[in-house]
Structure formats: structure tokens, C-alpha cells
Amino acid sequence: MQITIFDSLNFEKEYLIEANKKRHELHFIETELNEKTAGLAEGSDAVIIFVNDQADAPVLAALHKLGVRYLALRMAGFNNVDTAKAAELGLKVANVPEYSPHAVAEHTVALMLALNRKLIRANNRIRDLNFSLDGLIGFDMYGKTAGVAGTGKIGAEVAKILHGFGCKVLCFDIKENEELKRTVNPEYVSLDELLSSSDIITLHTPLNKHTHYMIDEKAVGKMKKGVMLINTSRGGLVKTDAVIKGLKQGVIGYLGLDVYEEEEGLFFHDHSEDILQDDILARLLVFQNVLITSHQAFLTDTALKNISHTTFQNLNAWDDGLHAPHEIKHEE
């Protein structure tokens, strides 16, 4: 097959090339997929997309018109794909449902520890030969109440790590994780109770119409003063304006983000020579109790190998006339 890979990033190319094993002809394109760039897939049987590529109805129609029949996602979430339109056009879609929940879970807890113990500020001081400890007081995570919103594979791993730290773990999900209940036995509660009772809140739900802006002004108003909020799932779970207000009021004492609702066109790319045009992100960067990483929670050698392997497992199955093992079916 001829395959176009949109939003291709330098760090992943060798993994994709290795997983392909010279079977398909790959065309790497650095630009993100959208209605204006869809034409770059001309001549391709399949396209591979990433988190900030857009596969809405107009884009899918454009791809279909070009002869594209397969859409492979090199990630788990598919909120950026209009699955109903894909089904209507006969476009087959598949994702990578699991690549390394440990990678994201460990990065999540790394954000917690770095914020709590003020590691970035402490390191910057040492580089200036300032060995003062003033302003670097953290807290024991042992005994604190940690709320995990979403207990799929990643959320469950986070819950296990926090349980190991000696935290009291509260969980919220529309479906309780039975395996997690057997190993950690967390207390499943309503989202409102999780928000009001937790010292640390970490988000691991998918992004959909039910979870969009699950952290808004109303949600922030229910939180404990000084709460730590972490989001390594999808940017759209958090209404950034509401969180900024919470930071200014002291309700949110620590904020760790690996995702941002307006990250498209910004994350994954070097803008160090540019003037930042995003006023909301600029405001976030002013706070010393905010730590932001550029959607890198998944970024481990293990995860990249698994993502590439599963992506081509899906593509190879289609090429052989079979159903892809991780094909996504549209559900009404």
C-alpha cells in the first residue's frame, strides 16, 4: 500500500520504518491533517494520523475522494475522527488502544512529584548557586486523598502507584474496574465527591461530549483549597479559563498539564523563535505552581515500539483483506 503519515515527528520515524519492514511505501509529511492539507494524501491507500490531526466529515470526504480507504490512528483516543462519516463513506478506521499505560501513568506521577517538591524551581536555583530552601516546602503524599477520574488502563495504573505511596484513593468512572478493585480496592465515588474530597485530582477519562470541560468553573468551585490538579489525558477535559481563575483564587494550588485544549499546531513543534500568540497559555506560564509538558507522557521507547507495531498490524490486516485487530466501529 501507499501510505501517507501526517504530522510525522522526528523521534518516531525510525520506529515506524522498522515496524513497516519495507512492506508499504511510506510518505512522511510534517504538516497536520486538515481540510487544507488533505490533498497531500493523493495517491495513497491509507493515511496514518496523530492526536492533533483533524479527521472530521469534510476531511474524510476529501480523503475518500482521493481514493484513501484506510485511516490508522497511532494513538488510543479517536475524538478527532468523525466515525459516523467514516462508516458512511466505507472508510475503515483503527487505533492503538494500548501502547504503554505505564508510560503515561509514570509521567502523571512525575508531574505530581515535581510540582509537590518544586523540583524545577530548586534545580534553577542550584544552577544560580542559590542553595536556599526558602519557598521549597512540599507535602507528604502519604496519607493524602488522591482522586482518579477515569479508571481504564492508564487511570488504573495511576491508582496503583498512588496506593503504593500510601494515598487514600478515590475513583470515579461510569464503569468500575473490577481488577483494580481486587488489587487496590479504591473507593468509587461520584465525581462531585471526588472533586470535594481529594487533595490530588488526576484526569484519565476519554474526551467526548460527556467529558468535555468536565473541569469548569462549577467543578473548580467544589475543590478543596490548595488542590493539585493533573491532566495527562486530553486538553478538552479542562476549561483553561476556569482553571486560571482557580489558580488566582488559590483554590488550585498546583497544576500539572501534559495536554492543553489549544495545543493543535503548537505542541510537538519548536516555536522558540516565535512570538507566543496564545494569551491563555501565556497566562498559565506566569504561575510558578504550574508545570506544563508538551504531550510527552507517552514518550518512552517501549510505547513508541508498541504504537508502531500495532499501527502496522492494523494496516497489514487490511492489506491482506482482513479486519484490522483494532478496528473502530461507529456506535450510535
Protein backbone atom coordinates (compact mmCIF):
# COMPACT_ATOMS: atom_id res chain seq x y z
CA MET A 1 0.00 0.00 0.00
CA GLN A 2 0.89 3.66 -0.44
CA ILE A 3 0.66 5.26 2.99
CA THR A 4 0.85 8.94 3.95
CA ILE A 5 1.85 9.70 7.54
CA PHE A 6 0.60 13.12 8.66
CA ASP A 7 2.15 15.16 11.47
CA SER A 8 5.21 12.94 11.36
CA LEU A 9 7.73 13.72 14.08
CA ASN A 10 11.45 13.06 14.03
CA PHE A 11 11.51 10.98 17.20
CA GLU A 12 9.04 8.40 15.84
CA LYS A 13 10.23 7.90 12.25
CA GLU A 14 12.74 5.14 12.97
CA TYR A 15 10.13 3.18 14.92
CA LEU A 16 7.56 3.43 12.11
CA ILE A 17 10.11 2.49 9.46
CA GLU A 18 11.23 -0.51 11.50
CA ALA A 19 7.65 -1.70 12.11
CA ASN A 20 6.80 -1.35 8.41
CA LYS A 21 9.56 -3.85 7.50
CA LYS A 22 9.71 -2.44 3.95
CA ARG A 23 6.22 -3.77 3.17
CA HIS A 24 4.48 -0.50 2.32
CA GLU A 25 5.65 2.70 0.66
CA LEU A 26 5.66 5.41 3.32
CA HIS A 27 5.36 9.15 2.72
CA PHE A 28 6.18 11.24 5.78
CA ILE A 29 4.55 14.69 5.98
CA GLU A 30 5.31 17.08 8.83
CA THR A 31 2.11 19.11 8.49
CA GLU A 32 -1.04 18.18 10.37
CA LEU A 33 -4.03 16.76 8.54
CA ASN A 34 -6.89 19.17 7.99
CA GLU A 35 -9.16 20.24 5.15
CA LYS A 36 -6.40 22.34 3.55
CA THR A 37 -3.74 19.61 3.70
CA ALA A 38 -5.85 16.54 2.88
CA GLY A 39 -4.78 16.80 -0.76
CA LEU A 40 -1.27 15.76 0.24
CA ALA A 41 -2.60 12.21 0.58
CA GLU A 42 -3.30 11.95 -3.15
CA GLY A 43 -2.30 8.53 -4.47
CA SER A 44 -2.41 6.91 -1.03
CA ASP A 45 -4.45 3.89 0.00
CA ALA A 46 -4.16 4.75 3.68
CA VAL A 47 -3.21 7.59 5.98
CA ILE A 48 -1.75 7.45 9.45
CA ILE A 49 -2.70 10.28 11.80
CA PHE A 50 -1.82 11.56 15.26
CA VAL A 51 -3.59 13.39 18.10
CA ASN A 52 -3.78 16.87 16.55
CA ASP A 53 -4.74 15.79 13.04
CA GLN A 54 -8.33 16.55 12.08
CA ALA A 55 -10.45 13.80 10.56
CA ASP A 56 -13.85 15.48 10.60
CA ALA A 57 -16.51 14.99 7.92
CA PRO A 58 -15.06 17.40 5.29
CA VAL A 59 -11.57 15.95 5.69
CA LEU A 60 -12.81 12.37 5.45
CA ALA A 61 -14.83 13.23 2.35
CA ALA A 62 -11.73 14.78 0.78
CA LEU A 63 -9.61 11.73 1.61
CA HIS A 64 -12.25 9.36 0.25
CA LYS A 65 -12.42 11.33 -2.99
CA LEU A 66 -8.66 10.89 -3.35
CA GLY A 67 -9.00 7.12 -3.03
CA VAL A 68 -7.98 6.73 0.60
CA ARG A 69 -9.76 3.74 2.14
CA TYR A 70 -7.99 3.24 5.46
CA LEU A 71 -7.34 5.53 8.41
CA ALA A 72 -4.84 4.28 11.00
CA LEU A 73 -4.50 6.19 14.27
CA ARG A 74 -1.19 5.97 16.05
CA MET A 75 -2.83 6.69 19.40
CA ALA A 76 -5.69 5.41 21.53
CA GLY A 77 -8.18 8.31 21.51
CA PHE A 78 -10.29 8.93 18.42
CA ASN A 79 -12.20 12.05 19.42
CA ASN A 80 -10.71 13.81 16.36
CA VAL A 81 -12.33 11.34 13.95
CA ASP A 82 -15.94 11.56 12.73
CA THR A 83 -16.60 7.84 12.97
CA ALA A 84 -20.15 8.23 11.65
CA LYS A 85 -18.91 9.88 8.47
CA ALA A 86 -16.17 7.27 8.10
CA ALA A 87 -18.77 4.49 8.31
CA GLU A 88 -20.98 6.28 5.78
CA LEU A 89 -18.06 6.52 3.33
CA GLY A 90 -16.86 2.99 3.94
CA LEU A 91 -13.57 4.25 5.37
CA LYS A 92 -12.08 1.77 7.79
CA VAL A 93 -10.61 3.22 10.98
CA ALA A 94 -8.36 1.57 13.58
CA ASN A 95 -6.46 2.80 16.62
CA VAL A 96 -3.81 1.70 19.10
CA PRO A 97 -5.91 1.06 22.19
CA GLU A 98 -2.98 0.20 24.42
CA TYR A 99 0.68 1.06 23.94
CA SER A 100 2.05 1.57 27.43
CA PRO A 101 -0.29 2.61 30.21
CA HIS A 102 2.76 2.55 32.48
CA ALA A 103 4.43 5.32 30.45
CA VAL A 104 1.54 7.75 30.87
CA ALA A 105 0.89 6.74 34.48
CA GLU A 106 4.53 7.23 35.47
CA HIS A 107 4.65 10.66 33.78
CA THR A 108 1.46 11.61 35.60
CA VAL A 109 3.03 10.85 38.96
CA ALA A 110 6.28 12.54 37.88
CA LEU A 111 4.29 15.75 37.40
CA MET A 112 2.81 15.34 40.88
CA LEU A 113 6.21 14.87 42.49
CA ALA A 114 7.88 17.67 40.55
CA LEU A 115 5.11 20.11 41.49
CA ASN A 116 4.92 19.00 45.10
CA ARG A 117 8.66 19.13 45.77
CA LYS A 118 9.19 22.15 43.48
CA LEU A 119 11.96 20.37 41.61
CA ILE A 120 12.09 22.74 38.63
CA ARG A 121 12.47 25.80 40.86
CA ALA A 122 15.01 24.03 43.06
CA ASN A 123 17.11 22.98 40.06
CA ASN A 124 17.05 26.50 38.62
CA ARG A 125 18.27 27.88 41.97
CA ILE A 126 21.17 25.44 42.14
CA ARG A 127 22.29 26.48 38.66
CA ASP A 128 22.46 30.04 40.01
CA LEU A 129 24.39 28.75 43.06
CA ASN A 130 21.41 29.62 45.26
CA PHE A 131 21.20 26.84 47.84
CA SER A 132 18.43 28.41 49.91
CA LEU A 133 15.47 26.18 50.82
CA ASP A 134 13.00 29.02 51.35
CA GLY A 135 9.82 28.57 49.32
CA LEU A 136 10.50 24.91 48.54
CA ILE A 137 8.31 23.26 51.17
CA GLY A 138 6.27 20.35 49.84
CA PHE A 139 3.95 17.84 51.49
CA ASP A 140 3.96 14.13 52.23
CA MET A 141 1.86 12.32 49.67
CA TYR A 142 1.47 9.50 52.19
CA GLY A 143 -1.96 9.78 53.77
CA LYS A 144 -3.33 12.27 51.25
CA THR A 145 -6.56 11.63 49.35
CA ALA A 146 -5.99 11.17 45.63
CA GLY A 147 -8.92 11.24 43.21
CA VAL A 148 -8.54 9.36 39.93
CA ALA A 149 -11.18 10.31 37.34
CA GLY A 150 -11.28 7.51 34.80
CA THR A 151 -10.05 4.03 35.68
CA GLY A 152 -9.24 2.49 32.34
CA LYS A 153 -5.78 1.02 31.82
CA ILE A 154 -3.91 4.29 32.46
CA GLY A 155 -6.05 5.52 35.34
CA ALA A 156 -5.82 2.11 36.98
CA GLU A 157 -2.02 2.19 36.84
CA VAL A 158 -2.01 5.67 38.38
CA ALA A 159 -4.30 4.44 41.15
CA LYS A 160 -1.94 1.54 41.87
CA ILE A 161 1.09 3.84 42.10
CA LEU A 162 -0.71 6.28 44.40
CA HIS A 163 -1.91 3.40 46.55
CA GLY A 164 1.74 2.33 46.82
CA PHE A 165 2.60 5.81 48.07
CA GLY A 166 0.08 5.35 50.87
CA CYS A 167 -2.59 7.64 49.47
CA LYS A 168 -6.26 7.08 50.09
CA VAL A 169 -7.50 6.50 46.54
CA LEU A 170 -10.94 7.65 45.37
CA CYS A 171 -12.09 6.74 41.88
CA PHE A 172 -14.81 7.89 39.51
CA ASP A 173 -15.90 6.10 36.34
CA ILE A 174 -19.15 5.14 34.66
CA LYS A 175 -17.92 1.53 34.86
CA GLU A 176 -15.96 0.29 37.85
CA ASN A 177 -12.68 -1.52 37.16
CA GLU A 178 -13.12 -4.94 38.77
CA GLU A 179 -9.43 -5.88 38.51
CA LEU A 180 -8.46 -2.62 40.22
CA LYS A 181 -10.99 -3.29 42.97
CA ARG A 182 -9.38 -6.67 43.59
CA THR A 183 -5.82 -5.31 43.78
CA VAL A 184 -6.14 -1.84 45.30
CA ASN A 185 -9.76 -1.75 46.47
CA PRO A 186 -10.25 2.00 45.95
CA GLU A 187 -13.46 3.72 46.94
CA TYR A 188 -15.63 4.52 43.93
CA VAL A 189 -17.50 7.79 44.44
CA SER A 190 -19.43 10.36 42.41
CA LEU A 191 -17.46 12.98 40.51
CA ASP A 192 -18.75 15.66 42.89
CA GLU A 193 -17.46 13.74 45.91
CA LEU A 194 -14.12 13.12 44.23
CA LEU A 195 -13.74 16.84 43.48
CA SER A 196 -14.67 17.94 47.00
CA SER A 197 -12.70 15.30 48.93
CA SER A 198 -9.41 14.97 47.05
CA ASP A 199 -6.09 16.65 47.80
CA ILE A 200 -4.84 15.49 44.38
CA ILE A 201 -7.07 15.11 41.31
CA THR A 202 -5.83 13.39 38.17
CA LEU A 203 -7.81 13.05 34.93
CA HIS A 204 -7.78 9.90 32.78
CA THR A 205 -11.14 9.87 31.01
CA PRO A 206 -11.55 9.90 27.22
CA LEU A 207 -12.70 13.14 25.62
CA ASN A 208 -16.28 13.04 24.39
CA LYS A 209 -19.47 15.08 24.63
CA HIS A 210 -19.97 13.91 28.22
CA THR A 211 -16.46 14.73 29.48
CA HIS A 212 -15.74 17.93 27.53
CA TYR A 213 -14.95 20.63 30.12
CA MET A 214 -15.61 18.26 33.00
CA ILE A 215 -13.36 20.66 34.89
CA ASP A 216 -15.12 24.00 34.54
CA GLU A 217 -15.94 26.86 36.92
CA LYS A 218 -18.54 24.77 38.72
CA ALA A 219 -16.13 21.88 39.18
CA VAL A 220 -13.33 24.14 40.42
CA GLY A 221 -15.76 25.63 42.92
CA LYS A 222 -16.21 22.21 44.51
CA MET A 223 -12.50 21.55 45.03
CA LYS A 224 -10.50 21.78 48.25
CA LYS A 225 -8.43 24.91 48.65
CA GLY A 226 -4.88 24.20 47.51
CA VAL A 227 -5.78 21.09 45.50
CA MET A 228 -3.33 19.62 42.97
CA LEU A 229 -4.89 19.10 39.51
CA ILE A 230 -3.18 16.93 36.88
CA ASN A 231 -4.29 16.29 33.29
CA THR A 232 -2.39 13.87 31.06
CA SER A 233 -5.44 12.72 29.07
CA ARG A 234 -6.95 15.26 26.65
CA GLY A 235 -6.84 19.05 26.80
CA GLY A 236 -10.56 19.45 26.24
CA LEU A 237 -11.34 17.91 29.63
CA VAL A 238 -10.26 21.17 31.25
CA LYS A 239 -11.69 24.64 30.67
CA THR A 240 -8.46 26.59 30.94
CA ASP A 241 -10.07 29.92 31.82
CA ALA A 242 -11.77 28.29 34.80
CA VAL A 243 -8.51 26.76 35.98
CA ILE A 244 -6.70 30.10 35.71
CA LYS A 245 -9.36 31.67 37.92
CA GLY A 246 -8.88 28.80 40.36
CA LEU A 247 -5.13 29.40 40.41
CA LYS A 248 -5.59 33.13 41.05
CA GLN A 249 -8.03 32.43 43.88
CA GLY A 250 -5.71 29.86 45.47
CA VAL A 251 -8.22 27.05 45.09
CA ILE A 252 -5.87 25.23 42.73
CA GLY A 253 -2.52 25.12 44.48
CA TYR A 254 -0.71 23.07 41.83
CA LEU A 255 -1.46 22.45 38.17
CA GLY A 256 0.28 19.85 36.01
CA LEU A 257 -0.63 19.59 32.31
CA ASP A 258 0.70 17.34 29.59
CA VAL A 259 -2.19 18.33 27.32
CA TYR A 260 -3.82 21.67 26.50
CA GLU A 261 -7.13 22.38 24.80
CA GLU A 262 -5.49 24.65 22.18
CA GLU A 263 -2.36 22.55 21.65
CA GLU A 264 -3.04 21.88 17.96
CA GLY A 265 -0.30 23.49 15.86
CA LEU A 266 1.68 24.30 19.00
CA PHE A 267 2.71 21.13 20.81
CA PHE A 268 5.29 18.82 19.18
CA HIS A 269 6.92 21.72 17.32
CA ASP A 270 9.73 24.19 18.02
CA HIS A 271 8.35 27.72 18.41
CA SER A 272 11.32 29.09 20.34
CA GLU A 273 11.93 31.78 17.72
CA ASP A 274 8.25 32.79 17.52
CA ILE A 275 6.16 35.26 19.49
CA LEU A 276 3.58 33.35 21.51
CA GLN A 277 0.14 34.25 20.19
CA ASP A 278 -1.86 32.21 22.71
CA ASP A 279 -2.77 34.62 25.51
CA ILE A 280 -4.26 31.89 27.70
CA LEU A 281 -1.13 29.74 27.55
CA ALA A 282 0.96 32.84 28.21
CA ARG A 283 -1.05 33.46 31.39
CA LEU A 284 -0.52 29.87 32.53
CA LEU A 285 3.23 30.17 32.09
CA VAL A 286 3.32 33.06 34.57
CA PHE A 287 2.35 30.86 37.53
CA GLN A 288 5.22 29.22 39.42
CA ASN A 289 2.89 26.46 40.61
CA VAL A 290 2.11 25.35 37.05
CA LEU A 291 4.13 22.70 35.23
CA ILE A 292 3.43 22.01 31.54
CA THR A 293 4.93 19.35 29.31
CA SER A 294 4.29 19.05 25.57
CA HIS A 295 2.09 15.95 25.35
CA GLN A 296 5.05 13.70 26.13
CA ALA A 297 3.54 11.37 28.73
CA PHE A 298 3.50 8.52 26.20
CA LEU A 299 7.08 9.17 25.10
CA THR A 300 9.04 6.07 26.07
CA ASP A 301 10.95 3.61 23.91
CA THR A 302 8.50 0.87 24.87
CA ALA A 303 5.45 2.94 23.94
CA LEU A 304 6.87 4.05 20.58
CA LYS A 305 7.68 0.46 19.65
CA ASN A 306 4.19 -0.70 20.63
CA ILE A 307 2.45 2.17 18.81
CA SER A 308 4.34 1.48 15.59
CA HIS A 309 3.86 -2.29 15.81
CA THR A 310 0.10 -2.05 16.38
CA THR A 311 -0.35 0.61 13.69
CA PHE A 312 1.17 -1.66 11.06
CA GLN A 313 -0.59 -4.69 12.48
CA ASN A 314 -3.84 -2.90 11.60
CA LEU A 315 -2.60 -1.80 8.17
CA ASN A 316 -1.20 -5.22 7.27
CA ALA A 317 -4.51 -6.87 8.12
CA TRP A 318 -6.37 -4.51 5.80
CA ASP A 319 -3.78 -5.09 3.10
CA ASP A 320 -4.41 -8.85 3.45
CA GLY A 321 -8.16 -8.36 3.08
CA LEU A 322 -8.86 -8.97 6.77
CA HIS A 323 -10.44 -6.98 9.57
CA ALA A 324 -7.87 -4.94 11.50
CA PRO A 325 -7.49 -6.27 15.05
CA HIS A 326 -8.25 -2.83 16.50
CA GLU A 327 -10.84 -1.59 14.02
CA ILE A 328 -13.20 1.05 15.39
CA LYS A 329 -16.90 0.60 14.70
CA HIS A 330 -19.18 3.63 14.86
CA GLU A 331 -21.77 3.32 17.59
CA GLU A 332 -24.89 5.46 17.67
